[in-house]
Amino acid sequence: MKMMTLATFSMALAAAIPAALAQSAWSIDPAHSAAQFQVKHLMISNVRGEFGKISGKVFFDGKNYGTLKAEAVIDVASINTRELKRDKHLRRADFFDAAGYPTITF
């Protein structure tokens, strides 16, 4: 599964935040953010998808990148691979178990 790691996400976000800002916490904007994935299917093609509902916060003191921290929460039931039957199957207990584990937290 190819996915942007939280560390890569954090570094990209940190580069976009001017160090002069004194604010210490920002909310992840779900309208401008995505939790996407890609997996190989039968070694022939790729299946792409995303989780449509994400939230979280990024914490940074504006000076020291060592203080950068991020929290992200993904709603498992919001999975979308553009194939309704597959999405329903992925929500069941033999995969993500969205009923038992409704969120993925980083």
Protein backbone atom coordinates (compact mmCIF):
# COMPACT_ATOMS: atom_id res chain seq x y z
CA MET A 1 0.00 0.00 0.00
CA LYS A 2 1.50 3.32 -1.03
CA MET A 3 0.56 6.14 1.28
CA MET A 4 2.00 9.43 2.40
CA THR A 5 3.47 8.83 5.82
CA LEU A 6 2.53 11.06 8.70
CA ALA A 7 6.13 12.26 8.88
CA THR A 8 6.09 13.27 5.19
CA PHE A 9 2.73 14.96 5.69
CA SER A 10 4.04 16.80 8.72
CA MET A 11 7.17 18.01 6.96
CA ALA A 12 5.18 19.20 3.93
CA LEU A 13 2.80 21.04 6.19
CA ALA A 14 5.63 22.55 8.21
CA ALA A 15 7.22 23.91 5.06
CA ALA A 16 3.97 25.71 4.27
CA ILE A 17 3.68 27.40 7.65
CA PRO A 18 5.66 30.61 8.00
CA ALA A 19 7.91 30.53 11.04
CA ALA A 20 6.86 34.07 11.93
CA LEU A 21 3.39 32.93 12.94
CA ALA A 22 3.00 32.77 16.70
CA GLN A 23 -0.05 30.50 16.55
CA SER A 24 0.61 27.06 17.99
CA ALA A 25 -2.26 24.89 16.69
CA TRP A 26 -4.06 24.59 13.38
CA SER A 27 -7.03 22.43 12.48
CA ILE A 28 -6.70 20.18 9.44
CA ASP A 29 -9.12 21.54 6.85
CA PRO A 30 -11.12 18.55 5.53
CA ALA A 31 -12.09 20.51 2.41
CA HIS A 32 -8.43 20.80 1.42
CA SER A 33 -7.06 17.52 2.80
CA ALA A 34 -7.27 13.87 1.77
CA ALA A 35 -6.41 10.44 3.12
CA GLN A 36 -5.78 8.49 -0.07
CA PHE A 37 -4.38 5.04 -0.79
CA GLN A 38 -3.44 2.78 -3.65
CA VAL A 39 -3.09 -1.03 -3.57
CA LYS A 40 -2.07 -3.54 -6.23
CA HIS A 41 -4.93 -5.76 -7.44
CA LEU A 42 -4.01 -9.21 -8.83
CA MET A 43 -0.56 -7.80 -9.67
CA ILE A 44 -2.14 -6.24 -12.77
CA SER A 45 -3.81 -3.00 -11.83
CA ASN A 46 -4.02 -0.52 -9.00
CA VAL A 47 -7.09 0.15 -6.88
CA ARG A 48 -7.22 3.70 -5.61
CA GLY A 49 -9.42 5.04 -2.90
CA GLU A 50 -9.78 7.56 -0.17
CA PHE A 51 -11.37 8.20 3.18
CA GLY A 52 -13.64 11.20 2.74
CA LYS A 53 -13.91 12.31 6.35
CA ILE A 54 -10.74 13.36 8.13
CA SER A 55 -9.98 15.76 10.95
CA GLY A 56 -7.10 16.65 13.19
CA LYS A 57 -4.71 19.29 14.44
CA VAL A 58 -1.13 20.32 13.79
CA PHE A 59 0.91 21.81 16.63
CA PHE A 60 3.99 23.95 16.02
CA ASP A 61 5.65 26.69 18.06
CA GLY A 62 6.60 28.65 14.94
CA LYS A 63 10.32 28.44 15.63
CA ASN A 64 11.63 24.94 16.30
CA TYR A 65 10.63 22.21 13.82
CA GLY A 66 11.43 19.69 16.54
CA THR A 67 8.22 20.76 18.28
CA LEU A 68 6.07 19.87 15.26
CA LYS A 69 3.33 17.39 16.13
CA ALA A 70 0.24 16.26 14.24
CA GLU A 71 -2.89 14.35 15.18
CA ALA A 72 -5.13 12.96 12.43
CA VAL A 73 -8.42 11.07 12.72
CA ILE A 74 -9.91 9.23 9.75
CA ASP A 75 -13.53 8.04 9.66
CA VAL A 76 -13.29 4.39 8.50
CA ALA A 77 -16.89 4.31 7.24
CA SER A 78 -16.06 7.10 4.78
CA ILE A 79 -13.96 4.76 2.60
CA ASN A 80 -14.58 5.22 -1.11
CA THR A 81 -12.99 3.09 -3.85
CA ARG A 82 -15.71 3.99 -6.37
CA GLU A 83 -17.12 0.46 -6.11
CA LEU A 84 -20.04 0.25 -3.66
CA LYS A 85 -19.86 -3.54 -3.11
CA ARG A 86 -16.14 -3.41 -2.40
CA ASP A 87 -16.59 -0.45 -0.02
CA LYS A 88 -19.27 -2.32 1.93
CA HIS A 89 -16.97 -5.35 2.15
CA LEU A 90 -14.03 -3.23 3.35
CA ARG A 91 -16.19 -1.82 6.17
CA ARG A 92 -17.01 -5.32 7.48
CA ALA A 93 -15.24 -7.10 10.33
CA ASP A 94 -12.90 -9.12 8.08
CA PHE A 95 -11.21 -5.90 6.90
CA PHE A 96 -11.46 -2.55 8.70
CA ASP A 97 -14.36 -3.47 11.03
CA ALA A 98 -15.82 0.03 10.89
CA ALA A 99 -18.49 -0.89 13.46
CA GLY A 100 -15.92 -2.01 16.04
CA TYR A 101 -13.17 0.45 15.11
CA PRO A 102 -14.83 3.55 13.64
CA THR A 103 -11.67 5.67 13.39
CA ILE A 104 -8.03 5.40 12.38
CA THR A 105 -5.93 7.70 14.53
CA PHE A 106 -2.36 8.87 13.96
